[in-house]
Amino acid sequence: MSGPTQSNRYQQKTGEAGFTIRGIYVVRLLVGVLLALDMALVLTVIYSPSGLPGYRLQNLQVRKLENTVLNLRIKNQKLFERIQSIKTDPKARERLVRRQLGWVGKDEVIFQSPDYVENGGGGRIRPFDFPDR
């Protein structure tokens, strides 16, 4: 059944390769627009504050915060160990009481120099100022 084919009035006549000259220009125009948009996007990513510089700044802040968290965890662990030693070791408790409250044991004598008395007894002891081992 080889008969004449009907052509639609909206169809354009095509060349040998199936492309029209108008279609080629439209494709070239679209490619040019997309390349311009890509370049604008790349420049925005590179130079905008929310692009690479912002990423680097946030990455630096994250590293600083991670170091702070690590230091606080180490400090927390040391304080926990001191508390555990005070709970379990009577000698540690005794050192703490003697240092913070100024208690004296039986048959002990404390000598205070005039400098010690003038300076208020060496200053106040801060919370969690545990004696060294």
Protein backbone atom coordinates (compact mmCIF):
# COMPACT_ATOMS: atom_id res chain seq x y z
CA MET A 1 0.00 0.00 0.00
CA SER A 2 2.11 2.72 -1.17
CA GLY A 3 -0.04 5.75 -1.38
CA PRO A 4 0.54 9.42 -1.07
CA THR A 5 1.12 10.59 2.45
CA GLN A 6 -0.69 13.52 3.85
CA SER A 7 1.32 16.37 5.22
CA ASN A 8 0.26 18.41 8.15
CA ARG A 9 0.34 22.13 7.68
CA TYR A 10 2.28 22.46 10.97
CA GLN A 11 5.05 20.16 9.85
CA GLN A 12 8.12 21.76 8.36
CA LYS A 13 9.85 20.43 5.38
CA THR A 14 13.04 18.62 6.36
CA GLY A 15 16.27 18.24 4.50
CA GLU A 16 18.10 15.02 3.87
CA ALA A 17 19.34 14.57 7.46
CA GLY A 18 15.95 15.28 9.05
CA PHE A 19 16.94 18.69 10.53
CA THR A 20 15.72 22.06 9.48
CA ILE A 21 17.92 25.09 9.36
CA ARG A 22 15.61 26.85 11.79
CA GLY A 23 15.85 23.90 14.19
CA ILE A 24 19.65 24.00 14.10
CA TYR A 25 19.63 27.69 15.06
CA VAL A 26 17.19 27.00 17.90
CA VAL A 27 19.44 24.23 19.23
CA ARG A 28 22.51 26.47 18.98
CA LEU A 29 20.66 29.23 20.80
CA LEU A 30 19.58 26.85 23.58
CA VAL A 31 23.13 25.51 23.93
CA GLY A 32 24.47 29.08 24.18
CA VAL A 33 21.89 30.02 26.82
CA LEU A 34 22.66 26.88 28.83
CA LEU A 35 26.41 27.53 28.63
CA ALA A 36 25.88 31.10 29.85
CA LEU A 37 23.77 29.82 32.76
CA ASP A 38 26.41 27.22 33.59
CA MET A 39 29.14 29.86 33.62
CA ALA A 40 27.01 32.08 35.88
CA LEU A 41 26.44 29.14 38.21
CA VAL A 42 30.14 28.26 38.34
CA LEU A 43 31.09 31.89 39.06
CA THR A 44 28.43 32.04 41.78
CA VAL A 45 29.73 28.88 43.42
CA ILE A 46 33.32 30.10 43.31
CA TYR A 47 32.90 33.73 44.37
CA SER A 48 29.68 34.06 46.37
CA PRO A 49 29.83 34.07 50.21
CA SER A 50 27.57 31.03 50.28
CA GLY A 51 29.77 29.17 47.80
CA LEU A 52 33.28 27.83 48.33
CA PRO A 53 34.40 30.59 50.74
CA GLY A 54 31.34 29.98 52.88
CA TYR A 55 31.97 26.25 52.80
CA ARG A 56 35.58 26.74 53.91
CA LEU A 57 34.52 29.07 56.72
CA GLN A 58 31.88 26.62 57.96
CA ASN A 59 34.36 23.76 57.71
CA LEU A 60 36.84 25.75 59.84
CA GLN A 61 34.12 26.49 62.40
CA VAL A 62 33.18 22.81 62.55
CA ARG A 63 36.82 21.84 63.20
CA LYS A 64 37.11 24.42 65.99
CA LEU A 65 33.90 23.19 67.59
CA GLU A 66 35.04 19.57 67.33
CA ASN A 67 38.30 20.50 69.09
CA THR A 68 36.35 22.33 71.80
CA VAL A 69 34.10 19.32 72.29
CA LEU A 70 37.12 17.02 72.49
CA ASN A 71 38.82 19.24 75.09
CA LEU A 72 35.62 19.41 77.14
CA ARG A 73 35.26 15.62 77.02
CA ILE A 74 38.85 15.21 78.24
CA LYS A 75 38.25 17.71 81.04
CA ASN A 76 35.00 15.98 81.96
CA GLN A 77 36.75 12.61 82.10
CA LYS A 78 39.45 14.01 84.40
CA LEU A 79 36.83 15.50 86.71
CA PHE A 80 34.93 12.21 86.74
CA GLU A 81 38.09 10.34 87.68
CA ARG A 82 38.78 12.81 90.50
CA ILE A 83 35.24 12.41 91.83
CA GLN A 84 35.56 8.64 91.69
CA SER A 85 38.87 8.79 93.54
CA ILE A 86 37.30 10.98 96.25
CA LYS A 87 34.39 8.55 96.57
CA THR A 88 36.60 5.48 96.87
CA ASP A 89 39.95 6.64 98.31
CA PRO A 90 39.93 7.85 101.93
CA LYS A 91 43.33 9.54 101.50
CA ALA A 92 41.99 11.62 98.62
CA ARG A 93 39.02 12.66 100.76
CA GLU A 94 41.35 13.61 103.59
CA ARG A 95 43.53 15.73 101.29
CA LEU A 96 40.47 17.49 99.93
CA VAL A 97 39.05 18.27 103.38
CA ARG A 98 42.40 19.46 104.70
CA ARG A 99 42.97 21.72 101.74
CA GLN A 100 39.50 23.23 101.38
CA LEU A 101 38.42 23.42 105.00
CA GLY A 102 41.82 23.81 106.62
CA TRP A 103 41.30 20.92 108.99
CA VAL A 104 44.22 19.68 111.03
CA GLY A 105 44.79 16.11 112.08
CA LYS A 106 45.40 14.88 115.59
CA ASP A 107 48.89 15.76 116.93
CA GLU A 108 49.58 18.13 113.99
CA VAL A 109 50.90 21.67 114.20
CA ILE A 110 50.46 24.30 111.47
CA PHE A 111 52.97 27.09 111.12
CA GLN A 112 51.71 30.23 109.41
CA SER A 113 54.06 32.88 108.19
CA PRO A 114 53.14 36.58 108.36
CA ASP A 115 52.93 36.67 104.53
CA TYR A 116 50.35 33.90 104.61
CA VAL A 117 48.16 35.80 107.10
CA GLU A 118 48.50 39.14 105.25
CA ASN A 119 47.47 37.57 101.95
CA GLY A 120 44.32 36.15 103.46
CA GLY A 121 45.52 32.62 103.90
CA GLY A 122 46.56 32.00 100.33
CA GLY A 123 43.33 33.04 98.63
CA ARG A 124 40.02 31.36 98.13
CA ILE A 125 39.80 27.88 96.75
CA ARG A 126 37.68 27.58 93.64
CA PRO A 127 35.08 24.85 93.16
CA PHE A 128 36.54 21.65 91.77
CA ASP A 129 40.00 22.69 92.87
CA PHE A 130 40.95 19.20 93.93
CA PRO A 131 44.31 18.39 95.47
CA ASP A 132 46.98 16.92 93.29
CA ARG A 133 48.00 13.36 93.86
